[in-house]
């Protein structure tokens, strides 16, 4: 028993001396140096070596914030959110930690978690419109246009850090709704009447022209074979078969072009929304 107590005392004494030998402020300066050099993995290793046992609450908040921020910069967003959420509301890093943890969960498509975190942030004149903006981005990502419209009405467009992105979100909402109105059936019917026109309608003009040209060429060759060699000639059958394949393929391609183009554009817009969601946060909490 005495041996165990001695070992415990020695351990406490050693850690205490280690903390005295390496003051907390020096450790933090070193971590910030690593962050400035964008050596975030090394910063995380350095933070893990700081013993929390001899730190006060504010210092622990600083460590958790720096860990969360380093994980954010290494794209390990789940770990980032976990540490940022440990920062207490008395810390100067609290608001930044909360907003970025909500953004992390938004990026990870964990919208319920993101909304809950935003809801937990105190509602005051400095946070209110930022919360509306972040929630509106989540609504767009979920295709919840009714919710977006409700939040958009609360935009003032007067805050420099938010106004440009608020206007962009209005444009994204219009683009997403416009894509929903395009019909695969209409695209197929258009290409049945005029080959390639359905792809133009779907938003693929170059593919539309690419579909039209070979069909026109094959139609001319089929017609020439019919008049020169007759409907029973091998040449007529060959060109006629090729024309049929390209014509039917052009219709089916137009039907799927609407869906494919919609998915591609939606993905692109969603990437823009996620990018624009973090710009005001970086500006405000820089």
C-alpha atoms as a PDB file:
ATOM      1  CA  UNK A   1       0.000   0.000   0.000  1.00  0.00           C
ATOM      2  CA  UNK A   2       2.817   2.368   0.884  1.00  0.00           C
ATOM      3  CA  UNK A   3       4.524   1.571  -2.422  1.00  0.00           C
ATOM      4  CA  UNK A   4       1.372   2.403  -4.377  1.00  0.00           C
ATOM      5  CA  UNK A   5       0.993   5.716  -2.535  1.00  0.00           C
ATOM      6  CA  UNK A   6       4.600   6.569  -3.273  1.00  0.00           C
ATOM      7  CA  UNK A   7       4.151   5.826  -6.961  1.00  0.00           C
ATOM      8  CA  UNK A   8       0.987   7.913  -7.053  1.00  0.00           C
ATOM      9  CA  UNK A   9       2.726  10.805  -5.317  1.00  0.00           C
ATOM     10  CA  UNK A  10       5.671  10.548  -7.697  1.00  0.00           C
ATOM     11  CA  UNK A  11       3.331  10.556 -10.717  1.00  0.00           C
ATOM     12  CA  UNK A  12       1.505  13.664  -9.489  1.00  0.00           C
ATOM     13  CA  UNK A  13       4.787  15.354  -8.695  1.00  0.00           C
ATOM     14  CA  UNK A  14       6.213  14.506 -12.121  1.00  0.00           C
ATOM     15  CA  UNK A  15       3.169  15.836 -13.982  1.00  0.00           C
ATOM     16  CA  UNK A  16       3.144  18.990 -11.887  1.00  0.00           C
ATOM     17  CA  UNK A  17       6.809  19.597 -12.640  1.00  0.00           C
ATOM     18  CA  UNK A  18       6.205  18.887 -16.314  1.00  0.00           C
ATOM     19  CA  UNK A  19       3.532  21.553 -16.348  1.00  0.00           C
ATOM     20  CA  UNK A  20       5.851  23.994 -14.622  1.00  0.00           C
ATOM     21  CA  UNK A  21       8.671  23.187 -17.015  1.00  0.00           C
ATOM     22  CA  UNK A  22       6.379  23.738 -19.987  1.00  0.00           C
ATOM     23  CA  UNK A  23       3.975  26.578 -19.099  1.00  0.00           C
ATOM     24  CA  UNK A  24       0.557  26.325 -20.677  1.00  0.00           C
ATOM     25  CA  UNK A  25       1.027  29.588 -22.568  1.00  0.00           C
ATOM     26  CA  UNK A  26       4.175  28.224 -24.229  1.00  0.00           C
ATOM     27  CA  UNK A  27       2.360  25.026 -25.255  1.00  0.00           C
ATOM     28  CA  UNK A  28      -0.448  27.064 -26.802  1.00  0.00           C
ATOM     29  CA  UNK A  29       1.969  29.337 -28.642  1.00  0.00           C
ATOM     30  CA  UNK A  30       3.633  26.252 -30.100  1.00  0.00           C
ATOM     31  CA  UNK A  31       0.267  24.831 -31.196  1.00  0.00           C
ATOM     32  CA  UNK A  32      -0.672  28.168 -32.788  1.00  0.00           C
ATOM     33  CA  UNK A  33       2.677  28.196 -34.564  1.00  0.00           C
ATOM     34  CA  UNK A  34       1.917  24.755 -35.998  1.00  0.00           C
ATOM     35  CA  UNK A  35      -1.560  25.921 -37.048  1.00  0.00           C
ATOM     36  CA  UNK A  36      -0.066  28.938 -38.814  1.00  0.00           C
ATOM     37  CA  UNK A  37       2.282  26.563 -40.645  1.00  0.00           C
ATOM     38  CA  UNK A  38      -0.798  24.433 -41.544  1.00  0.00           C
ATOM     39  CA  UNK A  39       0.762  21.458 -39.758  1.00  0.00           C
ATOM     40  CA  UNK A  40      -2.542  20.514 -38.183  1.00  0.00           C
ATOM     41  CA  UNK A  41      -1.756  16.856 -37.490  1.00  0.00           C
ATOM     42  CA  UNK A  42       1.308  17.908 -35.503  1.00  0.00           C
ATOM     43  CA  UNK A  43      -0.822  20.459 -33.662  1.00  0.00           C
ATOM     44  CA  UNK A  44      -3.260  17.709 -32.642  1.00  0.00           C
ATOM     45  CA  UNK A  45      -0.354  15.559 -31.390  1.00  0.00           C
ATOM     46  CA  UNK A  46       0.995  18.498 -29.384  1.00  0.00           C
ATOM     47  CA  UNK A  47      -2.442  19.185 -27.877  1.00  0.00           C
ATOM     48  CA  UNK A  48      -2.850  15.530 -26.913  1.00  0.00           C
ATOM     49  CA  UNK A  49       0.373  15.765 -24.917  1.00  0.00           C
ATOM     50  CA  UNK A  50      -0.996  18.564 -22.725  1.00  0.00           C
ATOM     51  CA  UNK A  51      -2.270  17.126 -19.463  1.00  0.00           C
ATOM     52  CA  UNK A  52      -5.712  18.497 -18.572  1.00  0.00           C
ATOM     53  CA  UNK A  53      -5.336  17.500 -14.910  1.00  0.00           C
ATOM     54  CA  UNK A  54      -3.584  20.717 -13.896  1.00  0.00           C
ATOM     55  CA  UNK A  55      -5.482  23.141 -16.130  1.00  0.00           C
ATOM     56  CA  UNK A  56      -8.291  25.457 -15.139  1.00  0.00           C
ATOM     57  CA  UNK A  57     -11.653  25.507 -16.959  1.00  0.00           C
ATOM     58  CA  UNK A  58     -10.695  28.320 -19.351  1.00  0.00           C
ATOM     59  CA  UNK A  59      -7.501  26.525 -20.356  1.00  0.00           C
ATOM     60  CA  UNK A  60      -9.404  23.292 -20.975  1.00  0.00           C
ATOM     61  CA  UNK A  61     -11.806  25.237 -23.210  1.00  0.00           C
ATOM     62  CA  UNK A  62      -8.827  26.576 -25.150  1.00  0.00           C
ATOM     63  CA  UNK A  63      -7.420  23.064 -25.660  1.00  0.00           C
ATOM     64  CA  UNK A  64     -10.790  21.698 -26.796  1.00  0.00           C
ATOM     65  CA  UNK A  65     -11.285  24.625 -29.174  1.00  0.00           C
ATOM     66  CA  UNK A  66      -7.817  24.249 -30.709  1.00  0.00           C
ATOM     67  CA  UNK A  67      -8.323  20.503 -31.100  1.00  0.00           C
ATOM     68  CA  UNK A  68     -11.676  21.061 -32.765  1.00  0.00           C
ATOM     69  CA  UNK A  69     -10.229  23.698 -35.062  1.00  0.00           C
ATOM     70  CA  UNK A  70      -7.256  21.519 -36.023  1.00  0.00           C
ATOM     71  CA  UNK A  71      -9.567  18.606 -36.794  1.00  0.00           C
ATOM     72  CA  UNK A  72     -11.717  20.981 -38.870  1.00  0.00           C
ATOM     73  CA  UNK A  73      -8.709  21.970 -40.952  1.00  0.00           C
ATOM     74  CA  UNK A  74      -7.834  18.310 -41.539  1.00  0.00           C
ATOM     75  CA  UNK A  75     -11.440  17.655 -42.747  1.00  0.00           C
ATOM     76  CA  UNK A  76     -12.102  15.309 -39.828  1.00  0.00           C
ATOM     77  CA  UNK A  77     -15.414  17.028 -39.201  1.00  0.00           C
ATOM     78  CA  UNK A  78     -16.949  14.497 -36.828  1.00  0.00           C
ATOM     79  CA  UNK A  79     -13.999  14.762 -34.425  1.00  0.00           C
ATOM     80  CA  UNK A  80     -13.973  18.522 -34.911  1.00  0.00           C
ATOM     81  CA  UNK A  81     -17.618  18.850 -33.874  1.00  0.00           C
ATOM     82  CA  UNK A  82     -17.056  16.592 -30.878  1.00  0.00           C
ATOM     83  CA  UNK A  83     -14.308  18.805 -29.425  1.00  0.00           C
ATOM     84  CA  UNK A  84     -15.903  22.132 -30.359  1.00  0.00           C
ATOM     85  CA  UNK A  85     -19.072  21.131 -28.519  1.00  0.00           C
ATOM     86  CA  UNK A  86     -17.027  20.694 -25.326  1.00  0.00           C
ATOM     87  CA  UNK A  87     -16.273  24.426 -25.238  1.00  0.00           C
ATOM     88  CA  UNK A  88     -18.377  26.010 -22.486  1.00  0.00           C
ATOM     89  CA  UNK A  89     -20.607  29.036 -22.949  1.00  0.00           C
ATOM     90  CA  UNK A  90     -18.349  31.172 -20.737  1.00  0.00           C
ATOM     91  CA  UNK A  91     -15.451  30.792 -23.160  1.00  0.00           C
ATOM     92  CA  UNK A  92     -14.552  33.465 -25.712  1.00  0.00           C
ATOM     93  CA  UNK A  93     -14.434  30.634 -28.256  1.00  0.00           C
ATOM     94  CA  UNK A  94     -18.008  29.520 -27.518  1.00  0.00           C
ATOM     95  CA  UNK A  95     -19.931  31.111 -30.411  1.00  0.00           C
ATOM     96  CA  UNK A  96     -17.334  30.205 -33.019  1.00  0.00           C
ATOM     97  CA  UNK A  97     -17.206  26.641 -31.683  1.00  0.00           C
ATOM     98  CA  UNK A  98     -20.994  26.263 -31.791  1.00  0.00           C
ATOM     99  CA  UNK A  99     -21.475  27.673 -35.262  1.00  0.00           C
ATOM    100  CA  UNK A 100     -18.643  25.617 -36.746  1.00  0.00           C
ATOM    101  CA  UNK A 101     -19.786  22.427 -35.024  1.00  0.00           C
ATOM    102  CA  UNK A 102     -23.235  23.022 -36.574  1.00  0.00           C
ATOM    103  CA  UNK A 103     -21.568  23.545 -39.953  1.00  0.00           C
ATOM    104  CA  UNK A 104     -19.601  20.308 -39.538  1.00  0.00           C
ATOM    105  CA  UNK A 105     -22.799  18.338 -38.980  1.00  0.00           C
ATOM    106  CA  UNK A 106     -24.457  20.114 -41.915  1.00  0.00           C
ATOM    107  CA  UNK A 107     -21.580  19.047 -44.172  1.00  0.00           C
ATOM    108  CA  UNK A 108     -21.958  15.481 -42.865  1.00  0.00           C
ATOM    109  CA  UNK A 109     -25.732  15.587 -43.708  1.00  0.00           C
ATOM    110  CA  UNK A 110     -26.592  15.294 -40.025  1.00  0.00           C
ATOM    111  CA  UNK A 111     -29.159  18.063 -40.275  1.00  0.00           C
ATOM    112  CA  UNK A 112     -31.010  17.305 -37.045  1.00  0.00           C
ATOM    113  CA  UNK A 113     -27.799  17.663 -35.017  1.00  0.00           C
ATOM    114  CA  UNK A 114     -26.898  20.849 -36.866  1.00  0.00           C
ATOM    115  CA  UNK A 115     -30.314  22.433 -36.247  1.00  0.00           C
ATOM    116  CA  UNK A 116     -30.258  21.425 -32.574  1.00  0.00           C
ATOM    117  CA  UNK A 117     -26.869  23.093 -32.081  1.00  0.00           C
ATOM    118  CA  UNK A 118     -28.035  26.281 -33.796  1.00  0.00           C
ATOM    119  CA  UNK A 119     -31.150  26.246 -31.657  1.00  0.00           C
ATOM    120  CA  UNK A 120     -28.999  26.023 -28.506  1.00  0.00           C
ATOM    121  CA  UNK A 121     -27.070  29.207 -29.353  1.00  0.00           C
ATOM    122  CA  UNK A 122     -28.369  32.224 -27.397  1.00  0.00           C
ATOM    123  CA  UNK A 123     -30.659  34.355 -29.555  1.00  0.00           C
ATOM    124  CA  UNK A 124     -29.505  37.973 -29.545  1.00  0.00           C
ATOM    125  CA  UNK A 125     -28.843  40.789 -31.977  1.00  0.00           C
ATOM    126  CA  UNK A 126     -25.356  39.503 -32.843  1.00  0.00           C
ATOM    127  CA  UNK A 127     -26.335  35.879 -33.491  1.00  0.00           C
ATOM    128  CA  UNK A 128     -29.938  36.007 -34.722  1.00  0.00           C
ATOM    129  CA  UNK A 129     -29.407  36.581 -38.436  1.00  0.00           C
ATOM    130  CA  UNK A 130     -26.411  34.231 -38.576  1.00  0.00           C
ATOM    131  CA  UNK A 131     -28.672  31.497 -37.171  1.00  0.00           C
ATOM    132  CA  UNK A 132     -31.376  32.313 -39.754  1.00  0.00           C
ATOM    133  CA  UNK A 133     -28.777  32.118 -42.515  1.00  0.00           C
ATOM    134  CA  UNK A 134     -27.287  28.790 -41.393  1.00  0.00           C
ATOM    135  CA  UNK A 135     -30.748  27.273 -40.915  1.00  0.00           C
ATOM    136  CA  UNK A 136     -31.825  28.481 -44.356  1.00  0.00           C
ATOM    137  CA  UNK A 137     -28.854  26.686 -45.902  1.00  0.00           C
ATOM    138  CA  UNK A 138     -29.888  23.477 -44.164  1.00  0.00           C
ATOM    139  CA  UNK A 139     -33.450  23.956 -45.452  1.00  0.00           C
ATOM    140  CA  UNK A 140     -32.157  24.282 -49.026  1.00  0.00           C
ATOM    141  CA  UNK A 141     -30.012  21.163 -48.668  1.00  0.00           C
ATOM    142  CA  UNK A 142     -33.122  19.282 -47.471  1.00  0.00           C
ATOM    143  CA  UNK A 143     -35.255  20.717 -50.315  1.00  0.00           C
ATOM    144  CA  UNK A 144     -37.507  22.240 -47.650  1.00  0.00           C
ATOM    145  CA  UNK A 145     -38.458  25.330 -49.647  1.00  0.00           C
ATOM    146  CA  UNK A 146     -41.320  26.310 -47.342  1.00  0.00           C
ATOM    147  CA  UNK A 147     -38.910  26.481 -44.411  1.00  0.00           C
ATOM    148  CA  UNK A 148     -36.376  28.369 -46.512  1.00  0.00           C
ATOM    149  CA  UNK A 149     -38.950  30.952 -47.576  1.00  0.00           C
ATOM    150  CA  UNK A 150     -39.922  31.474 -43.935  1.00  0.00           C
ATOM    151  CA  UNK A 151     -36.293  32.051 -42.926  1.00  0.00           C
ATOM    152  CA  UNK A 152     -35.496  34.164 -45.983  1.00  0.00           C
ATOM    153  CA  UNK A 153     -38.139  36.682 -44.935  1.00  0.00           C
ATOM    154  CA  UNK A 154     -36.000  37.375 -41.860  1.00  0.00           C
ATOM    155  CA  UNK A 155     -32.913  38.286 -43.908  1.00  0.00           C
ATOM    156  CA  UNK A 156     -32.049  41.974 -43.570  1.00  0.00           C
ATOM    157  CA  UNK A 157     -29.398  41.978 -46.341  1.00  0.00           C
ATOM    158  CA  UNK A 158     -27.689  44.732 -44.336  1.00  0.00           C
ATOM    159  CA  UNK A 159     -24.914  42.734 -42.693  1.00  0.00           C
ATOM    160  CA  UNK A 160     -21.763  42.895 -44.807  1.00  0.00           C
ATOM    161  CA  UNK A 161     -20.612  39.414 -43.813  1.00  0.00           C
ATOM    162  CA  UNK A 162     -23.947  37.833 -44.799  1.00  0.00           C
ATOM    163  CA  UNK A 163     -25.586  39.922 -47.532  1.00  0.00           C
ATOM    164  CA  UNK A 164     -23.766  38.434 -50.550  1.00  0.00           C
ATOM    165  CA  UNK A 165     -24.444  34.851 -49.479  1.00  0.00           C
ATOM    166  CA  UNK A 166     -28.062  35.647 -48.561  1.00  0.00           C
ATOM    167  CA  UNK A 167     -28.641  36.872 -52.120  1.00  0.00           C
ATOM    168  CA  UNK A 168     -26.922  33.786 -53.531  1.00  0.00           C
ATOM    169  CA  UNK A 169     -29.205  31.517 -51.514  1.00  0.00           C
ATOM    170  CA  UNK A 170     -32.236  33.162 -53.121  1.00  0.00           C
ATOM    171  CA  UNK A 171     -30.727  32.328 -56.507  1.00  0.00           C
ATOM    172  CA  UNK A 172     -29.989  28.742 -55.484  1.00  0.00           C
ATOM    173  CA  UNK A 173     -33.595  28.296 -54.382  1.00  0.00           C
ATOM    174  CA  UNK A 174     -34.837  29.447 -57.803  1.00  0.00           C
ATOM    175  CA  UNK A 175     -32.373  27.185 -59.648  1.00  0.00           C
ATOM    176  CA  UNK A 176     -33.325  24.108 -57.607  1.00  0.00           C
ATOM    177  CA  UNK A 177     -37.047  24.695 -58.180  1.00  0.00           C
ATOM    178  CA  UNK A 178     -36.534  25.324 -61.915  1.00  0.00           C
ATOM    179  CA  UNK A 179     -34.802  21.968 -62.322  1.00  0.00           C
ATOM    180  CA  UNK A 180     -37.731  20.172 -60.699  1.00  0.00           C
ATOM    181  CA  UNK A 181     -40.107  21.412 -63.397  1.00  0.00           C
ATOM    182  CA  UNK A 182     -38.309  19.744 -66.312  1.00  0.00           C
ATOM    183  CA  UNK A 183     -39.983  16.517 -67.449  1.00  0.00           C
ATOM    184  CA  UNK A 184     -38.257  13.380 -68.773  1.00  0.00           C
ATOM    185  CA  UNK A 185     -41.390  12.550 -70.808  1.00  0.00           C
ATOM    186  CA  UNK A 186     -41.347  15.923 -72.540  1.00  0.00           C
ATOM    187  CA  UNK A 187     -37.643  15.485 -73.314  1.00  0.00           C
ATOM    188  CA  UNK A 188     -38.339  12.070 -74.889  1.00  0.00           C
ATOM    189  CA  UNK A 189     -41.241  13.387 -76.976  1.00  0.00           C
ATOM    190  CA  UNK A 190     -39.189  16.352 -78.183  1.00  0.00           C
ATOM    191  CA  UNK A 191     -36.373  14.081 -79.332  1.00  0.00           C
ATOM    192  CA  UNK A 192     -38.878  11.804 -81.059  1.00  0.00           C
ATOM    193  CA  UNK A 193     -40.057  14.797 -83.132  1.00  0.00           C
ATOM    194  CA  UNK A 194     -36.666  16.455 -83.576  1.00  0.00           C
ATOM    195  CA  UNK A 195     -33.680  14.280 -82.599  1.00  0.00           C
ATOM    196  CA  UNK A 196     -31.450  15.941 -80.019  1.00  0.00           C
ATOM    197  CA  UNK A 197     -33.959  18.621 -79.013  1.00  0.00           C
ATOM    198  CA  UNK A 198     -34.821  16.749 -75.814  1.00  0.00           C
ATOM    199  CA  UNK A 199     -31.194  16.938 -74.698  1.00  0.00           C
ATOM    200  CA  UNK A 200     -31.146  20.645 -75.447  1.00  0.00           C
ATOM    201  CA  UNK A 201     -34.265  20.964 -73.282  1.00  0.00           C
ATOM    202  CA  UNK A 202     -32.532  18.948 -70.537  1.00  0.00           C
ATOM    203  CA  UNK A 203     -29.646  21.418 -70.528  1.00  0.00           C
ATOM    204  CA  UNK A 204     -27.193  19.457 -72.681  1.00  0.00           C
ATOM    205  CA  UNK A 205     -27.056  21.469 -75.951  1.00  0.00           C
ATOM    206  CA  UNK A 206     -23.797  19.984 -77.228  1.00  0.00           C
ATOM    207  CA  UNK A 207     -25.049  16.450 -76.627  1.00  0.00           C
ATOM    208  CA  UNK A 208     -28.221  17.401 -78.468  1.00  0.00           C
ATOM    209  CA  UNK A 209     -26.262  18.496 -81.534  1.00  0.00           C
ATOM    210  CA  UNK A 210     -24.115  15.373 -81.192  1.00  0.00           C
ATOM    211  CA  UNK A 211     -27.285  13.229 -81.314  1.00  0.00           C
ATOM    212  CA  UNK A 212     -28.801  15.076 -84.279  1.00  0.00           C
ATOM    213  CA  UNK A 213     -25.865  14.952 -86.695  1.00  0.00           C
ATOM    214  CA  UNK A 214     -25.372  11.144 -86.960  1.00  0.00           C
ATOM    215  CA  UNK A 215     -29.144  10.600 -87.261  1.00  0.00           C
ATOM    216  CA  UNK A 216     -29.370  13.109 -90.102  1.00  0.00           C
ATOM    217  CA  UNK A 217     -26.365  11.489 -91.809  1.00  0.00           C
ATOM    218  CA  UNK A 218     -27.810   7.976 -91.412  1.00  0.00           C
ATOM    219  CA  UNK A 219     -31.237   9.158 -92.633  1.00  0.00           C
ATOM    220  CA  UNK A 220     -29.654  10.551 -95.786  1.00  0.00           C
ATOM    221  CA  UNK A 221     -27.650   7.336 -96.380  1.00  0.00           C
ATOM    222  CA  UNK A 222     -30.743   5.177 -95.772  1.00  0.00           C
ATOM    223  CA  UNK A 223     -32.794   7.268 -98.178  1.00  0.00           C
ATOM    224  CA  UNK A 224     -30.065   7.090-100.824  1.00  0.00           C
ATOM    225  CA  UNK A 225     -29.764   3.297-100.424  1.00  0.00           C
ATOM    226  CA  UNK A 226     -33.537   2.903-100.750  1.00  0.00           C
ATOM    227  CA  UNK A 227     -33.723   4.816-104.033  1.00  0.00           C
ATOM    228  CA  UNK A 228     -30.538   3.419-105.580  1.00  0.00           C
ATOM    229  CA  UNK A 229     -30.549  -0.225-104.468  1.00  0.00           C
ATOM    230  CA  UNK A 230     -34.092  -0.828-103.277  1.00  0.00           C
ATOM    231  CA  UNK A 231     -35.707  -1.725 -99.942  1.00  0.00           C
ATOM    232  CA  UNK A 232     -34.370  -5.320-100.001  1.00  0.00           C
ATOM    233  CA  UNK A 233     -30.719  -4.450-100.399  1.00  0.00           C
ATOM    234  CA  UNK A 234     -28.206  -5.277 -97.668  1.00  0.00           C
ATOM    235  CA  UNK A 235     -27.002  -1.694 -97.726  1.00  0.00           C
ATOM    236  CA  UNK A 236     -30.536  -0.391 -97.035  1.00  0.00           C
ATOM    237  CA  UNK A 237     -31.016  -2.857 -94.172  1.00  0.00           C
ATOM    238  CA  UNK A 238     -27.675  -1.887 -92.650  1.00  0.00           C
ATOM    239  CA  UNK A 239     -28.193   1.870 -92.752  1.00  0.00           C
ATOM    240  CA  UNK A 240     -31.855   1.508 -91.794  1.00  0.00           C
ATOM    241  CA  UNK A 241     -30.945  -0.602 -88.763  1.00  0.00           C
ATOM    242  CA  UNK A 242     -28.262   1.850 -87.705  1.00  0.00           C
ATOM    243  CA  UNK A 243     -30.726   4.725 -88.093  1.00  0.00           C
ATOM    244  CA  UNK A 244     -33.275   2.938 -85.903  1.00  0.00           C
ATOM    245  CA  UNK A 245     -30.704   2.227 -83.191  1.00  0.00           C
ATOM    246  CA  UNK A 246     -29.463   5.824 -83.131  1.00  0.00           C
ATOM    247  CA  UNK A 247     -32.996   7.244 -83.267  1.00  0.00           C
ATOM    248  CA  UNK A 248     -34.289   5.110 -80.372  1.00  0.00           C
ATOM    249  CA  UNK A 249     -31.077   5.719 -78.430  1.00  0.00           C
ATOM    250  CA  UNK A 250     -31.520   9.442 -78.929  1.00  0.00           C
ATOM    251  CA  UNK A 251     -35.003   9.259 -77.360  1.00  0.00           C
ATOM    252  CA  UNK A 252     -33.889   7.183 -74.383  1.00  0.00           C
ATOM    253  CA  UNK A 253     -30.821   9.346 -73.931  1.00  0.00           C
ATOM    254  CA  UNK A 254     -33.012  12.438 -73.776  1.00  0.00           C
ATOM    255  CA  UNK A 255     -35.275  10.830 -71.172  1.00  0.00           C
ATOM    256  CA  UNK A 256     -32.310  10.064 -68.911  1.00  0.00           C
ATOM    257  CA  UNK A 257     -30.540  13.348 -69.704  1.00  0.00           C
ATOM    258  CA  UNK A 258     -33.114  15.289 -67.673  1.00  0.00           C
ATOM    259  CA  UNK A 259     -32.529  13.120 -64.602  1.00  0.00           C
ATOM    260  CA  UNK A 260     -28.733  13.052 -64.996  1.00  0.00           C
ATOM    261  CA  UNK A 261     -28.476  16.786 -65.619  1.00  0.00           C
ATOM    262  CA  UNK A 262     -30.749  17.499 -62.650  1.00  0.00           C
ATOM    263  CA  UNK A 263     -28.608  15.329 -60.352  1.00  0.00           C
ATOM    264  CA  UNK A 264     -25.382  16.929 -61.590  1.00  0.00           C
ATOM    265  CA  UNK A 265     -26.729  20.457 -61.173  1.00  0.00           C
ATOM    266  CA  UNK A 266     -28.239  19.705 -57.764  1.00  0.00           C
ATOM    267  CA  UNK A 267     -24.906  18.293 -56.606  1.00  0.00           C
ATOM    268  CA  UNK A 268     -23.099  21.391 -57.877  1.00  0.00           C
ATOM    269  CA  UNK A 269     -25.565  23.750 -56.173  1.00  0.00           C
ATOM    270  CA  UNK A 270     -25.338  21.801 -52.923  1.00  0.00           C
ATOM    271  CA  UNK A 271     -21.550  22.140 -53.011  1.00  0.00           C
ATOM    272  CA  UNK A 272     -21.981  25.888 -53.506  1.00  0.00           C
ATOM    273  CA  UNK A 273     -24.431  26.079 -50.592  1.00  0.00           C
ATOM    274  CA  UNK A 274     -21.985  24.293 -48.285  1.00  0.00           C
ATOM    275  CA  UNK A 275     -19.167  26.563 -49.439  1.00  0.00           C
ATOM    276  CA  UNK A 276     -21.261  29.706 -48.925  1.00  0.00           C
ATOM    277  CA  UNK A 277     -22.416  28.541 -45.493  1.00  0.00           C
ATOM    278  CA  UNK A 278     -18.890  28.740 -44.104  1.00  0.00           C
ATOM    279  CA  UNK A 279     -17.783  32.014 -45.728  1.00  0.00           C
ATOM    280  CA  UNK A 280     -19.699  34.301 -43.301  1.00  0.00           C
ATOM    281  CA  UNK A 281     -18.543  32.187 -40.349  1.00  0.00           C
ATOM    282  CA  UNK A 282     -14.905  32.632 -41.355  1.00  0.00           C
ATOM    283  CA  UNK A 283     -15.471  36.363 -41.888  1.00  0.00           C
ATOM    284  CA  UNK A 284     -17.304  36.964 -38.621  1.00  0.00           C
ATOM    285  CA  UNK A 285     -15.174  34.727 -36.393  1.00  0.00           C
ATOM    286  CA  UNK A 286     -11.806  35.321 -38.034  1.00  0.00           C
END
